[in-house]
């Protein structure tokens, strides 16, 4: 049997397995709490047993929650999401899926409630001068730089000299 004959068979088996079992692709967002929790756990490459030891609950309870046969309390869900180091947006989504109110705010940049945090970041950037320092968003967008970083950027990337400098 040649390699060409083996590959289509394996591919068709995988496709059939995904169809019958409803396997979720990596980029699909789960819409139910059990799917969300299972996806987060598997993304961290944790077994149910390892997670149960971390949370101090039985592996059976973890399994029941991930199957949708049990509903976690708010405290357990918060500890679960903390143990999986889930992003705050996913924590809020999981809390909503479980029927609880979101725990974290999502204020936009420039919101008056974030004035102290923005002041602290500006102060930190100034304190680092003349060493380069940057403030970067979760999407890796450069939000703020200090004078040392501006010098470094213009030295290493001279074609950026024509671009307007980022806001201080």
N, C-alpha and C. Protein backbone atom coordinates (compact mmCIF):
# COMPACT_ATOMS: atom_id res chain seq x y z
N UNK A 1 0.85 -1.17 0.00
CA UNK A 1 0.00 0.00 0.00
C UNK A 1 0.90 1.23 0.00
N UNK A 2 0.60 2.17 -0.87
CA UNK A 2 1.42 3.38 -0.96
C UNK A 2 0.91 4.44 0.01
N UNK A 3 1.73 5.48 0.18
CA UNK A 3 1.36 6.58 1.08
C UNK A 3 0.14 7.33 0.54
N UNK A 4 0.00 7.37 -0.79
CA UNK A 4 -1.15 8.06 -1.38
C UNK A 4 -2.46 7.38 -1.01
N UNK A 5 -2.44 6.08 -0.90
CA UNK A 5 -3.67 5.36 -0.57
C UNK A 5 -4.01 5.53 0.92
N UNK A 6 -3.02 5.69 1.78
CA UNK A 6 -3.25 5.81 3.21
C UNK A 6 -3.78 7.19 3.56
N UNK A 7 -3.23 8.26 3.01
CA UNK A 7 -3.60 9.62 3.38
C UNK A 7 -5.07 9.92 3.14
N UNK A 8 -5.66 9.62 1.96
CA UNK A 8 -7.08 9.91 1.81
C UNK A 8 -7.95 9.15 2.80
N UNK A 9 -7.56 7.91 3.12
CA UNK A 9 -8.35 7.14 4.07
C UNK A 9 -8.33 7.79 5.45
N UNK A 10 -7.15 8.22 5.89
CA UNK A 10 -7.05 8.86 7.20
C UNK A 10 -7.82 10.17 7.19
N UNK A 11 -7.68 10.96 6.12
CA UNK A 11 -8.38 12.23 6.03
C UNK A 11 -9.88 12.03 6.07
N UNK A 12 -10.39 11.06 5.33
CA UNK A 12 -11.83 10.83 5.32
C UNK A 12 -12.32 10.34 6.68
N UNK A 13 -11.48 9.58 7.40
CA UNK A 13 -11.87 9.14 8.74
C UNK A 13 -11.96 10.32 9.70
N UNK A 14 -11.00 11.23 9.60
CA UNK A 14 -11.02 12.41 10.47
C UNK A 14 -12.23 13.27 10.17
N UNK A 15 -12.53 13.46 8.89
CA UNK A 15 -13.70 14.26 8.51
C UNK A 15 -14.97 13.60 9.03
N UNK A 16 -15.07 12.30 8.90
CA UNK A 16 -16.25 11.59 9.38
C UNK A 16 -16.35 11.69 10.90
N UNK A 17 -15.21 11.60 11.59
CA UNK A 17 -15.22 11.71 13.05
C UNK A 17 -15.70 13.08 13.49
N UNK A 18 -15.24 14.13 12.80
CA UNK A 18 -15.67 15.48 13.15
C UNK A 18 -17.15 15.67 12.89
N UNK A 19 -17.66 15.09 11.83
CA UNK A 19 -19.08 15.23 11.52
C UNK A 19 -19.94 14.52 12.55
N UNK A 20 -19.57 13.28 12.88
CA UNK A 20 -20.43 12.51 13.79
C UNK A 20 -20.31 12.98 15.23
N UNK A 21 -19.13 13.38 15.64
CA UNK A 21 -18.93 13.75 17.04
C UNK A 21 -19.09 15.24 17.28
N UNK A 22 -19.20 16.02 16.23
CA UNK A 22 -19.38 17.45 16.40
C UNK A 22 -18.16 18.12 17.03
N UNK A 23 -16.98 17.69 16.65
CA UNK A 23 -15.76 18.28 17.19
C UNK A 23 -15.70 19.76 16.87
N UNK A 24 -15.25 20.52 17.83
CA UNK A 24 -15.18 21.96 17.67
C UNK A 24 -13.78 22.33 17.16
N UNK A 25 -13.72 23.18 16.14
CA UNK A 25 -12.44 23.67 15.65
C UNK A 25 -11.89 24.71 16.62
N UNK A 26 -10.59 24.96 16.53
CA UNK A 26 -9.92 25.87 17.46
C UNK A 26 -10.52 27.27 17.41
N UNK A 27 -10.88 27.76 16.21
CA UNK A 27 -11.33 29.14 16.09
C UNK A 27 -12.83 29.32 16.32
N UNK A 28 -13.56 28.25 16.50
CA UNK A 28 -14.99 28.37 16.78
C UNK A 28 -15.19 28.77 18.23
N UNK A 29 -16.03 29.75 18.44
CA UNK A 29 -16.32 30.18 19.80
C UNK A 29 -17.43 29.31 20.38
N UNK A 30 -17.20 28.70 21.52
CA UNK A 30 -18.26 27.89 22.12
C UNK A 30 -19.39 28.78 22.62
N UNK A 31 -20.62 28.27 22.54
CA UNK A 31 -21.76 29.08 22.95
C UNK A 31 -22.44 28.56 24.21
N UNK A 32 -22.00 27.44 24.73
CA UNK A 32 -22.54 26.88 25.96
C UNK A 32 -21.44 26.80 26.99
N UNK A 33 -21.81 26.92 28.26
CA UNK A 33 -20.82 26.90 29.34
C UNK A 33 -19.98 25.63 29.34
N UNK A 34 -20.56 24.42 29.22
CA UNK A 34 -19.70 23.22 29.21
C UNK A 34 -18.66 23.25 28.08
N UNK A 35 -19.06 23.72 26.91
CA UNK A 35 -18.12 23.80 25.79
C UNK A 35 -17.02 24.82 26.07
N UNK A 36 -17.39 25.95 26.66
CA UNK A 36 -16.41 26.98 26.98
C UNK A 36 -15.38 26.46 27.98
N UNK A 37 -15.84 25.82 29.03
CA UNK A 37 -14.93 25.32 30.07
C UNK A 37 -14.03 24.21 29.53
N UNK A 38 -14.60 23.31 28.74
CA UNK A 38 -13.80 22.23 28.16
C UNK A 38 -12.74 22.80 27.21
N UNK A 39 -13.16 23.78 26.39
CA UNK A 39 -12.24 24.39 25.43
C UNK A 39 -11.09 25.09 26.15
N UNK A 40 -11.39 25.84 27.21
CA UNK A 40 -10.35 26.53 27.97
C UNK A 40 -9.39 25.54 28.63
N UNK A 41 -9.94 24.48 29.19
CA UNK A 41 -9.09 23.47 29.85
C UNK A 41 -8.19 22.78 28.84
N UNK A 42 -8.74 22.40 27.72
CA UNK A 42 -7.94 21.72 26.70
C UNK A 42 -6.90 22.65 26.08
N UNK A 43 -7.22 23.94 25.98
CA UNK A 43 -6.25 24.90 25.44
C UNK A 43 -5.05 25.03 26.38
N UNK A 44 -5.26 24.85 27.69
CA UNK A 44 -4.18 24.91 28.67
C UNK A 44 -3.50 23.55 28.83
N UNK A 45 -4.01 22.55 28.12
CA UNK A 45 -3.47 21.18 28.16
C UNK A 45 -3.46 20.60 29.57
N UNK A 46 -4.59 20.83 30.25
CA UNK A 46 -4.77 20.28 31.59
C UNK A 46 -5.75 19.12 31.52
N UNK A 47 -5.49 18.09 32.28
CA UNK A 47 -6.45 17.00 32.38
C UNK A 47 -7.53 17.39 33.38
N UNK A 48 -8.62 16.67 33.35
CA UNK A 48 -9.68 16.92 34.33
C UNK A 48 -9.16 16.64 35.74
N UNK A 49 -8.33 15.62 35.86
CA UNK A 49 -7.78 15.28 37.18
C UNK A 49 -6.89 16.39 37.71
N UNK A 50 -6.01 16.93 36.87
CA UNK A 50 -5.12 18.02 37.31
C UNK A 50 -5.94 19.24 37.72
N UNK A 51 -6.97 19.56 36.93
CA UNK A 51 -7.82 20.70 37.27
C UNK A 51 -8.57 20.45 38.58
N UNK A 52 -9.06 19.24 38.76
CA UNK A 52 -9.80 18.94 39.99
C UNK A 52 -8.91 19.04 41.22
N UNK A 53 -7.65 18.65 41.10
CA UNK A 53 -6.72 18.79 42.23
C UNK A 53 -6.44 20.26 42.52
N UNK A 54 -6.36 21.06 41.49
CA UNK A 54 -6.14 22.49 41.68
C UNK A 54 -7.33 23.15 42.36
N UNK A 55 -8.54 22.76 41.96
CA UNK A 55 -9.75 23.39 42.48
C UNK A 55 -10.22 22.79 43.79
N UNK A 56 -9.75 21.60 44.12
CA UNK A 56 -10.19 20.95 45.35
C UNK A 56 -11.57 20.32 45.24
N UNK A 57 -11.96 19.92 44.03
CA UNK A 57 -13.22 19.22 43.81
C UNK A 57 -12.90 17.88 43.14
N UNK A 58 -13.88 17.02 43.05
CA UNK A 58 -13.63 15.72 42.44
C UNK A 58 -13.54 15.82 40.92
N UNK A 59 -12.80 14.90 40.35
CA UNK A 59 -12.69 14.83 38.88
C UNK A 59 -14.05 14.53 38.28
N UNK A 60 -14.86 13.80 38.99
CA UNK A 60 -16.20 13.47 38.51
C UNK A 60 -17.06 14.73 38.38
N UNK A 61 -16.92 15.65 39.33
CA UNK A 61 -17.69 16.90 39.26
C UNK A 61 -17.23 17.73 38.06
N UNK A 62 -15.92 17.77 37.81
CA UNK A 62 -15.40 18.47 36.64
C UNK A 62 -16.00 17.87 35.37
N UNK A 63 -16.02 16.57 35.31
CA UNK A 63 -16.58 15.87 34.16
C UNK A 63 -18.07 16.19 34.00
N UNK A 64 -18.81 16.17 35.09
CA UNK A 64 -20.24 16.45 35.02
C UNK A 64 -20.51 17.87 34.54
N UNK A 65 -19.72 18.83 35.01
CA UNK A 65 -19.91 20.22 34.57
C UNK A 65 -19.59 20.33 33.08
N UNK A 66 -18.51 19.71 32.63
CA UNK A 66 -18.13 19.79 31.22
C UNK A 66 -19.10 19.05 30.31
N UNK A 67 -19.86 18.12 30.86
CA UNK A 67 -20.88 17.43 30.08
C UNK A 67 -22.23 18.13 30.14
N UNK A 68 -22.35 19.11 31.01
CA UNK A 68 -23.62 19.81 31.16
C UNK A 68 -24.57 19.13 32.12
N UNK A 69 -24.10 18.16 32.86
CA UNK A 69 -24.95 17.43 33.81
C UNK A 69 -24.99 18.10 35.17
N UNK A 70 -24.09 19.05 35.42
CA UNK A 70 -24.05 19.78 36.70
C UNK A 70 -23.76 21.24 36.40
N UNK A 71 -24.21 22.10 37.30
CA UNK A 71 -24.00 23.54 37.16
C UNK A 71 -23.06 24.00 38.27
N UNK A 72 -21.94 24.67 37.93
CA UNK A 72 -21.05 25.12 39.00
C UNK A 72 -21.61 26.35 39.71
N UNK A 73 -21.23 26.52 40.96
CA UNK A 73 -21.60 27.74 41.68
C UNK A 73 -20.75 28.88 41.13
N UNK A 74 -21.13 30.10 41.48
CA UNK A 74 -20.36 31.26 41.01
C UNK A 74 -18.93 31.21 41.55
N UNK A 75 -18.77 30.85 42.81
CA UNK A 75 -17.44 30.79 43.42
C UNK A 75 -16.57 29.74 42.73
N UNK A 76 -17.15 28.56 42.45
CA UNK A 76 -16.39 27.52 41.77
C UNK A 76 -16.04 27.96 40.35
N UNK A 77 -16.98 28.57 39.67
CA UNK A 77 -16.74 29.02 38.30
C UNK A 77 -15.62 30.07 38.27
N UNK A 78 -15.63 31.00 39.22
CA UNK A 78 -14.59 32.02 39.27
C UNK A 78 -13.22 31.36 39.54
N UNK A 79 -13.18 30.41 40.47
CA UNK A 79 -11.93 29.70 40.77
C UNK A 79 -11.47 28.90 39.56
N UNK A 80 -12.42 28.28 38.86
CA UNK A 80 -12.13 27.47 37.66
C UNK A 80 -11.48 28.35 36.59
N UNK A 81 -12.09 29.50 36.32
CA UNK A 81 -11.58 30.41 35.30
C UNK A 81 -10.24 31.00 35.71
N UNK A 82 -10.04 31.25 37.00
CA UNK A 82 -8.76 31.74 37.51
C UNK A 82 -7.68 30.68 37.33
N UNK A 83 -8.01 29.42 37.64
CA UNK A 83 -7.04 28.33 37.50
C UNK A 83 -6.64 28.12 36.05
N UNK A 84 -7.56 28.38 35.12
CA UNK A 84 -7.26 28.23 33.70
C UNK A 84 -6.65 29.50 33.11
N UNK A 85 -6.49 30.54 33.94
CA UNK A 85 -5.91 31.81 33.51
C UNK A 85 -6.64 32.35 32.28
N UNK A 86 -7.96 32.30 32.33
CA UNK A 86 -8.78 32.76 31.21
C UNK A 86 -8.74 34.28 31.12
N UNK A 87 -8.75 34.83 29.91
CA UNK A 87 -8.83 36.28 29.76
C UNK A 87 -10.12 36.82 30.38
N UNK A 88 -10.10 38.07 30.79
CA UNK A 88 -11.26 38.64 31.48
C UNK A 88 -12.51 38.62 30.62
N UNK A 89 -12.37 38.84 29.32
CA UNK A 89 -13.54 38.82 28.43
C UNK A 89 -14.17 37.43 28.41
N UNK A 90 -13.33 36.39 28.40
CA UNK A 90 -13.86 35.03 28.41
C UNK A 90 -14.47 34.70 29.78
N UNK A 91 -13.92 35.25 30.82
CA UNK A 91 -14.51 35.03 32.15
C UNK A 91 -15.90 35.63 32.21
N UNK A 92 -16.05 36.84 31.70
CA UNK A 92 -17.38 37.47 31.67
C UNK A 92 -18.34 36.65 30.81
N UNK A 93 -17.88 36.17 29.67
CA UNK A 93 -18.74 35.37 28.79
C UNK A 93 -19.18 34.08 29.48
N UNK A 94 -18.25 33.43 30.18
CA UNK A 94 -18.60 32.19 30.89
C UNK A 94 -19.58 32.47 32.03
N UNK A 95 -19.39 33.57 32.73
CA UNK A 95 -20.33 33.93 33.80
C UNK A 95 -21.72 34.18 33.24
N UNK A 96 -21.81 34.87 32.11
CA UNK A 96 -23.11 35.10 31.47
C UNK A 96 -23.74 33.79 31.01
N UNK A 97 -22.92 32.89 30.46
CA UNK A 97 -23.43 31.59 30.03
C UNK A 97 -23.99 30.80 31.20
N UNK A 98 -23.41 30.98 32.39
CA UNK A 98 -23.88 30.27 33.57
C UNK A 98 -25.06 30.96 34.24
N UNK A 99 -25.40 32.16 33.76
CA UNK A 99 -26.54 32.87 34.32
C UNK A 99 -26.16 33.84 35.42
N UNK A 100 -24.87 34.16 35.55
CA UNK A 100 -24.39 35.09 36.56
C UNK A 100 -24.05 36.43 35.91
N UNK A 101 -24.01 37.46 36.72
CA UNK A 101 -23.63 38.78 36.22
C UNK A 101 -22.13 38.81 35.95
N UNK A 102 -21.70 39.58 34.94
CA UNK A 102 -20.27 39.69 34.67
C UNK A 102 -19.53 40.29 35.87
N UNK A 103 -18.29 39.88 36.06
CA UNK A 103 -17.51 40.34 37.21
C UNK A 103 -16.55 41.45 36.85
N UNK A 104 -16.25 41.62 35.56
CA UNK A 104 -15.23 42.57 35.15
C UNK A 104 -15.81 43.58 34.17
N UNK A 105 -15.40 44.82 34.34
CA UNK A 105 -15.82 45.88 33.43
C UNK A 105 -14.97 45.86 32.17
N UNK A 106 -15.48 46.49 31.14
CA UNK A 106 -14.72 46.57 29.90
C UNK A 106 -14.74 48.00 29.37
N UNK A 107 -14.14 48.88 30.14
CA UNK A 107 -14.10 50.29 29.77
C UNK A 107 -13.16 50.48 28.59
N UNK A 108 -13.54 51.37 27.70
CA UNK A 108 -12.72 51.67 26.53
C UNK A 108 -11.61 52.62 26.92
N UNK A 109 -10.58 52.64 26.10
CA UNK A 109 -9.46 53.56 26.35
C UNK A 109 -9.97 54.99 26.28
N UNK A 110 -9.56 55.80 27.22
CA UNK A 110 -10.02 57.17 27.29
C UNK A 110 -11.21 57.35 28.22
N UNK A 111 -11.72 56.28 28.77
CA UNK A 111 -12.83 56.34 29.72
C UNK A 111 -12.37 57.07 30.98
N UNK A 112 -13.20 57.95 31.54
CA UNK A 112 -12.79 58.68 32.75
C UNK A 112 -12.43 57.77 33.93
N UNK A 113 -13.01 56.59 33.98
CA UNK A 113 -12.69 55.67 35.07
C UNK A 113 -11.28 55.12 34.99
N UNK A 114 -10.65 55.25 33.85
CA UNK A 114 -9.28 54.75 33.67
C UNK A 114 -8.24 55.86 33.75
N UNK A 115 -8.64 57.05 34.17
CA UNK A 115 -7.73 58.19 34.19
C UNK A 115 -6.51 57.92 35.07
N UNK A 116 -6.71 57.31 36.23
CA UNK A 116 -5.57 57.03 37.11
C UNK A 116 -4.62 56.01 36.48
N UNK A 117 -5.15 55.00 35.83
CA UNK A 117 -4.31 53.99 35.19
C UNK A 117 -3.51 54.61 34.04
N UNK A 118 -4.15 55.47 33.26
CA UNK A 118 -3.43 56.12 32.16
C UNK A 118 -2.37 57.08 32.69
N UNK A 119 -2.67 57.77 33.79
CA UNK A 119 -1.67 58.64 34.40
C UNK A 119 -0.48 57.81 34.87
N UNK A 120 -0.74 56.66 35.49
CA UNK A 120 0.34 55.79 35.98
C UNK A 120 1.20 55.29 34.82
N UNK A 121 0.58 54.95 33.70
CA UNK A 121 1.35 54.48 32.54
C UNK A 121 2.23 55.60 31.99
N UNK A 122 1.67 56.82 31.88
CA UNK A 122 2.48 57.95 31.40
C UNK A 122 3.65 58.20 32.34
N UNK A 123 3.40 58.15 33.66
CA UNK A 123 4.45 58.35 34.65
C UNK A 123 5.52 57.28 34.52
N UNK A 124 5.13 56.05 34.30
CA UNK A 124 6.07 54.94 34.14
C UNK A 124 6.92 55.12 32.89
N UNK A 125 6.30 55.56 31.80
CA UNK A 125 7.05 55.80 30.56
C UNK A 125 8.09 56.90 30.77
N UNK A 126 7.70 57.98 31.44
CA UNK A 126 8.63 59.08 31.70
C UNK A 126 9.76 58.64 32.63
N UNK A 127 9.46 57.81 33.59
CA UNK A 127 10.46 57.34 34.54
C UNK A 127 11.52 56.47 33.87
N UNK A 128 11.16 55.81 32.76
CA UNK A 128 12.09 54.93 32.06
C UNK A 128 13.03 55.69 31.13
N UNK A 129 12.72 56.96 30.81
CA UNK A 129 13.61 57.71 29.92
C UNK A 129 15.00 57.79 30.53
N UNK A 130 16.03 57.63 29.78
CA UNK A 130 16.15 57.54 28.33
C UNK A 130 16.06 56.13 27.79
N UNK A 131 15.75 55.15 28.63
CA UNK A 131 15.60 53.78 28.13
C UNK A 131 14.27 53.64 27.41
N UNK A 132 14.21 52.83 26.35
CA UNK A 132 12.97 52.67 25.60
C UNK A 132 11.90 51.95 26.43
N UNK A 133 10.67 52.43 26.34
CA UNK A 133 9.53 51.80 26.99
C UNK A 133 8.31 51.98 26.11
N UNK A 134 7.47 50.97 26.04
CA UNK A 134 6.27 50.99 25.20
C UNK A 134 5.07 50.50 25.99
N UNK A 135 3.91 50.99 25.64
CA UNK A 135 2.65 50.47 26.16
C UNK A 135 1.99 49.79 24.96
N UNK A 136 1.69 48.50 25.11
CA UNK A 136 1.19 47.70 24.01
C UNK A 136 -0.17 47.14 24.40
N UNK A 137 -1.11 47.11 23.44
CA UNK A 137 -2.45 46.56 23.70
C UNK A 137 -2.41 45.04 23.63
N UNK A 138 -3.53 44.42 23.94
CA UNK A 138 -3.64 42.96 23.87
C UNK A 138 -3.49 42.46 22.44
N UNK A 139 -3.77 43.32 21.47
CA UNK A 139 -3.63 42.96 20.05
C UNK A 139 -2.26 43.34 19.51
N UNK A 140 -1.34 43.72 20.35
CA UNK A 140 0.03 44.10 20.03
C UNK A 140 0.10 45.41 19.25
N UNK A 141 -0.86 46.28 19.46
CA UNK A 141 -0.79 47.63 18.89
C UNK A 141 -0.02 48.49 19.87
N UNK A 142 0.92 49.28 19.35
CA UNK A 142 1.69 50.19 20.21
C UNK A 142 0.79 51.38 20.52
N UNK A 143 0.49 51.58 21.79
CA UNK A 143 -0.40 52.65 22.21
C UNK A 143 0.37 53.90 22.62
N UNK A 144 1.45 53.72 23.36
CA UNK A 144 2.25 54.85 23.84
C UNK A 144 3.72 54.46 23.84
N UNK A 145 4.58 55.43 23.61
CA UNK A 145 6.02 55.21 23.70
C UNK A 145 6.65 56.41 24.39
N UNK A 146 7.83 56.20 24.97
CA UNK A 146 8.56 57.33 25.54
C UNK A 146 9.59 57.82 24.52
N UNK A 147 10.37 58.84 24.87
CA UNK A 147 11.33 59.42 23.94
C UNK A 147 12.42 58.43 23.56
N UNK A 148 12.84 57.60 24.51
CA UNK A 148 13.86 56.58 24.21
C UNK A 148 13.37 55.59 23.17
N UNK A 149 12.11 55.19 23.26
CA UNK A 149 11.55 54.26 22.27
C UNK A 149 11.40 54.95 20.92
N UNK A 150 11.02 56.22 20.91
CA UNK A 150 10.92 56.95 19.65
C UNK A 150 12.28 57.01 18.97
N UNK A 151 13.33 57.30 19.73
CA UNK A 151 14.67 57.35 19.16
C UNK A 151 15.05 55.99 18.58
N UNK A 152 14.79 54.91 19.35
CA UNK A 152 15.13 53.57 18.91
C UNK A 152 14.38 53.19 17.64
N UNK A 153 13.10 53.50 17.61
CA UNK A 153 12.29 53.16 16.43
C UNK A 153 12.79 53.92 15.21
N UNK A 154 13.06 55.21 15.35
CA UNK A 154 13.52 56.00 14.20
C UNK A 154 14.94 55.62 13.78
N UNK A 155 15.74 55.12 14.71
CA UNK A 155 17.10 54.68 14.37
C UNK A 155 17.06 53.36 13.62
N UNK A 156 16.27 52.42 14.11
CA UNK A 156 16.21 51.10 13.49
C UNK A 156 15.31 51.07 12.25
N UNK A 157 14.31 51.91 12.23
CA UNK A 157 13.35 51.96 11.11
C UNK A 157 13.27 53.40 10.61
N UNK A 158 14.27 53.87 9.88
CA UNK A 158 14.30 55.28 9.51
C UNK A 158 13.12 55.73 8.65
N UNK A 159 12.49 54.82 7.92
CA UNK A 159 11.36 55.20 7.09
C UNK A 159 10.13 55.58 7.91
N UNK A 160 10.15 55.30 9.21
CA UNK A 160 9.02 55.69 10.06
C UNK A 160 9.14 57.14 10.52
N UNK A 161 10.22 57.84 10.16
CA UNK A 161 10.40 59.23 10.59
C UNK A 161 9.32 60.14 10.03
N UNK A 162 8.76 59.76 8.85
CA UNK A 162 7.71 60.59 8.26
C UNK A 162 6.35 60.37 8.94
N UNK A 163 6.21 59.28 9.67
CA UNK A 163 4.94 58.99 10.34
C UNK A 163 4.77 59.88 11.56
N UNK A 164 3.54 60.24 11.88
CA UNK A 164 3.35 61.04 13.10
C UNK A 164 3.69 60.20 14.32
N UNK A 165 4.30 60.82 15.32
CA UNK A 165 4.67 60.05 16.54
C UNK A 165 3.41 59.64 17.30
N UNK A 166 3.47 58.51 18.01
CA UNK A 166 2.33 58.10 18.84
C UNK A 166 2.08 59.12 19.94
N UNK A 167 0.86 59.07 20.46
CA UNK A 167 0.52 60.00 21.57
C UNK A 167 1.38 59.69 22.78
N UNK A 168 1.85 60.73 23.48
CA UNK A 168 2.64 60.49 24.71
C UNK A 168 1.75 60.05 25.86
